[in-house]
C-alpha atoms as a PDB file:
ATOM      1  CA  MET A   1       4.021   3.661 -26.489  1.00  0.00           C
ATOM      2  CA  GLU A   2       0.869   1.724 -25.722  1.00  0.00           C
ATOM      3  CA  GLY A   3       1.649  -0.793 -28.474  1.00  0.00           C
ATOM      4  CA  ARG A   4       5.077  -1.457 -27.002  1.00  0.00           C
ATOM      5  CA  ILE A   5       3.644  -1.952 -23.526  1.00  0.00           C
ATOM      6  CA  THR A   6       1.022  -4.380 -24.827  1.00  0.00           C
ATOM      7  CA  ASN A   7       3.704  -6.365 -26.628  1.00  0.00           C
ATOM      8  CA  TRP A   8       5.890  -6.476 -23.509  1.00  0.00           C
ATOM      9  CA  LYS A   9       2.977  -7.572 -21.293  1.00  0.00           C
ATOM     10  CA  ASN A  10       2.568 -10.662 -23.470  1.00  0.00           C
ATOM     11  CA  LYS A  11       6.161 -11.707 -22.746  1.00  0.00           C
ATOM     12  CA  MET A  12       5.556 -12.371 -19.019  1.00  0.00           C
ATOM     13  CA  LEU A  13       8.487 -10.258 -17.820  1.00  0.00           C
ATOM     14  CA  SER A  14       9.694 -10.239 -14.238  1.00  0.00           C
ATOM     15  CA  PHE A  15       9.392  -7.132 -12.073  1.00  0.00           C
ATOM     16  CA  ALA A  16      13.078  -6.352 -12.676  1.00  0.00           C
ATOM     17  CA  GLY A  17      12.590  -6.700 -16.444  1.00  0.00           C
ATOM     18  CA  ARG A  18       9.599  -4.354 -16.445  1.00  0.00           C
ATOM     19  CA  LEU A  19      11.542  -1.896 -14.290  1.00  0.00           C
ATOM     20  CA  GLN A  20      14.465  -1.958 -16.722  1.00  0.00           C
ATOM     21  CA  LEU A  21      12.218  -1.367 -19.744  1.00  0.00           C
ATOM     22  CA  ILE A  22      10.512   1.567 -18.046  1.00  0.00           C
ATOM     23  CA  GLY A  23      13.816   3.081 -16.960  1.00  0.00           C
ATOM     24  CA  SER A  24      15.461   2.814 -20.351  1.00  0.00           C
ATOM     25  CA  VAL A  25      13.001   2.630 -23.252  1.00  0.00           C
ATOM     26  CA  LEU A  26       9.875   4.437 -22.023  1.00  0.00           C
ATOM     27  CA  SER A  27      11.823   7.206 -20.313  1.00  0.00           C
ATOM     28  CA  ALA A  28      13.911   7.699 -23.468  1.00  0.00           C
ATOM     29  CA  LEU A  29      10.749   8.005 -25.568  1.00  0.00           C
ATOM     30  CA  TYR A  30       9.433  10.671 -23.207  1.00  0.00           C
ATOM     31  CA  ILE A  31      12.731  12.575 -23.251  1.00  0.00           C
ATOM     32  CA  TYR A  32      12.801  12.520 -27.047  1.00  0.00           C
ATOM     33  CA  TRP A  33       9.242  13.811 -27.461  1.00  0.00           C
ATOM     34  CA  ALA A  34       9.657  16.374 -24.682  1.00  0.00           C
ATOM     35  CA  SER A  35      12.739  17.747 -26.441  1.00  0.00           C
ATOM     36  CA  VAL A  36      10.770  18.164 -29.677  1.00  0.00           C
ATOM     37  CA  PHE A  37       7.402  19.359 -28.296  1.00  0.00           C
ATOM     38  CA  ILE A  38       6.075  20.991 -25.169  1.00  0.00           C
ATOM     39  CA  LEU A  39       3.933  18.216 -23.725  1.00  0.00           C
ATOM     40  CA  PRO A  40       0.758  19.149 -21.844  1.00  0.00           C
ATOM     41  CA  LYS A  41       0.511  18.055 -18.204  1.00  0.00           C
ATOM     42  CA  ARG A  42      -2.415  15.782 -19.097  1.00  0.00           C
ATOM     43  CA  VAL A  43      -0.257  13.845 -21.565  1.00  0.00           C
ATOM     44  CA  ILE A  44       2.538  13.535 -19.009  1.00  0.00           C
ATOM     45  CA  ALA A  45       0.045  12.255 -16.418  1.00  0.00           C
ATOM     46  CA  GLU A  46      -1.254   9.659 -18.910  1.00  0.00           C
ATOM     47  CA  LEU A  47       2.284   8.495 -19.693  1.00  0.00           C
ATOM     48  CA  GLU A  48       3.056   8.040 -16.012  1.00  0.00           C
ATOM     49  CA  ALA A  49      -0.231   6.181 -15.516  1.00  0.00           C
ATOM     50  CA  LYS A  50       0.690   3.761 -18.330  1.00  0.00           C
ATOM     51  CA  MET A  51       4.134   3.249 -16.828  1.00  0.00           C
ATOM     52  CA  ARG A  52       2.647   2.581 -13.373  1.00  0.00           C
ATOM     53  CA  GLY A  53       0.163   0.131 -14.840  1.00  0.00           C
ATOM     54  CA  PHE A  54       2.894  -1.712 -16.739  1.00  0.00           C
ATOM     55  CA  LEU A  55       5.176  -1.889 -13.695  1.00  0.00           C
ATOM     56  CA  TRP A  56       2.548  -3.486 -11.483  1.00  0.00           C
ATOM     57  CA  SER A  57       0.881  -5.652 -14.173  1.00  0.00           C
ATOM     58  CA  GLN A  58       0.767  -9.408 -13.707  1.00  0.00           C
ATOM     59  CA  GLY A  59       0.797 -10.975 -17.118  1.00  0.00           C
ATOM     60  CA  SER A  60      -0.863 -10.315 -20.438  1.00  0.00           C
ATOM     61  CA  GLY A  61      -3.831  -8.308 -19.240  1.00  0.00           C
ATOM     62  CA  ALA A  62      -4.154  -8.749 -15.521  1.00  0.00           C
ATOM     63  CA  LYS A  63      -3.874  -5.637 -13.447  1.00  0.00           C
ATOM     64  CA  GLY A  64      -1.718  -5.826 -10.377  1.00  0.00           C
ATOM     65  CA  LYS A  65      -1.970  -3.994  -7.121  1.00  0.00           C
ATOM     66  CA  ALA A  66       0.759  -1.456  -6.375  1.00  0.00           C
ATOM     67  CA  LYS A  67       3.154  -2.649  -3.689  1.00  0.00           C
ATOM     68  CA  VAL A  68       4.467   0.838  -2.883  1.00  0.00           C
ATOM     69  CA  SER A  69       3.529   4.351  -3.937  1.00  0.00           C
ATOM     70  CA  TRP A  70       4.785   5.764  -7.238  1.00  0.00           C
ATOM     71  CA  ILE A  71       6.541   8.548  -5.337  1.00  0.00           C
ATOM     72  CA  SER A  72       8.566   5.919  -3.456  1.00  0.00           C
ATOM     73  CA  VAL A  73       9.441   4.138  -6.706  1.00  0.00           C
ATOM     74  CA  CYS A  74      10.734   7.403  -8.215  1.00  0.00           C
ATOM     75  CA  LEU A  75      13.096   8.170  -5.338  1.00  0.00           C
ATOM     76  CA  PRO A  76      16.828   7.944  -6.053  1.00  0.00           C
ATOM     77  CA  LYS A  77      18.416   4.528  -5.457  1.00  0.00           C
ATOM     78  CA  THR A  78      20.390   5.909  -2.514  1.00  0.00           C
ATOM     79  CA  GLU A  79      17.082   6.702  -0.801  1.00  0.00           C
ATOM     80  CA  GLY A  80      15.560   3.281  -1.475  1.00  0.00           C
ATOM     81  CA  GLY A  81      13.846   3.984  -4.795  1.00  0.00           C
ATOM     82  CA  CYS A  82      14.180   2.519  -8.266  1.00  0.00           C
ATOM     83  CA  PRO A  83      15.954   4.055 -11.275  1.00  0.00           C
ATOM     84  CA  ILE A  84      12.786   5.689 -12.629  1.00  0.00           C
ATOM     85  CA  VAL A  85      12.401   9.445 -12.952  1.00  0.00           C
ATOM     86  CA  SER A  86       8.975  10.962 -12.408  1.00  0.00           C
ATOM     87  CA  PHE A  87       8.206  13.228 -15.356  1.00  0.00           C
ATOM     88  CA  GLY A  88       6.258  15.615 -13.149  1.00  0.00           C
ATOM     89  CA  ASN A  89       9.395  16.183 -11.074  1.00  0.00           C
ATOM     90  CA  VAL A  90      11.432  16.870 -14.210  1.00  0.00           C
ATOM     91  CA  ILE A  91       8.909  19.476 -15.375  1.00  0.00           C
ATOM     92  CA  SER A  92       8.834  21.275 -12.023  1.00  0.00           C
ATOM     93  CA  HIS A  93      12.654  21.196 -11.856  1.00  0.00           C
ATOM     94  CA  LYS A  94      12.919  22.667 -15.366  1.00  0.00           C
ATOM     95  CA  THR A  95      10.663  25.565 -14.466  1.00  0.00           C
ATOM     96  CA  THR A  96      12.457  26.350 -11.201  1.00  0.00           C
ATOM     97  CA  VAL A  97      15.938  26.213 -12.723  1.00  0.00           C
ATOM     98  CA  GLY A  98      14.993  28.459 -15.615  1.00  0.00           C
ATOM     99  CA  ALA A  99      16.225  28.592 -19.163  1.00  0.00           C
ATOM    100  CA  GLY A 100      19.770  29.612 -18.287  1.00  0.00           C
ATOM    101  CA  GLY A 101      20.303  27.106 -15.471  1.00  0.00           C
ATOM    102  CA  ARG A 102      22.051  23.770 -15.695  1.00  0.00           C
ATOM    103  CA  PHE A 103      20.718  20.367 -14.706  1.00  0.00           C
END
């Protein structure tokens, strides 16, 4: 995942482009690996930190300052957020629904 992010940072993507890549590619990678393995919370926190860093980055290596909180970014679009799902919320929802529940 880190290799992909580094490659994308070199392409000077707009905020909307970075948002689209996070919402589609990086989230899909997480979903795939989470369906195969039980990921520790530490790994999930690191993945979200990399996604946050990529979203707010300003070029090939420059760190950017967050414009809004990550919690606000992960809100549904109808509530003013972006189409990004927080993995921590998915984990807590899975445990509260239970094995027999539906998403």
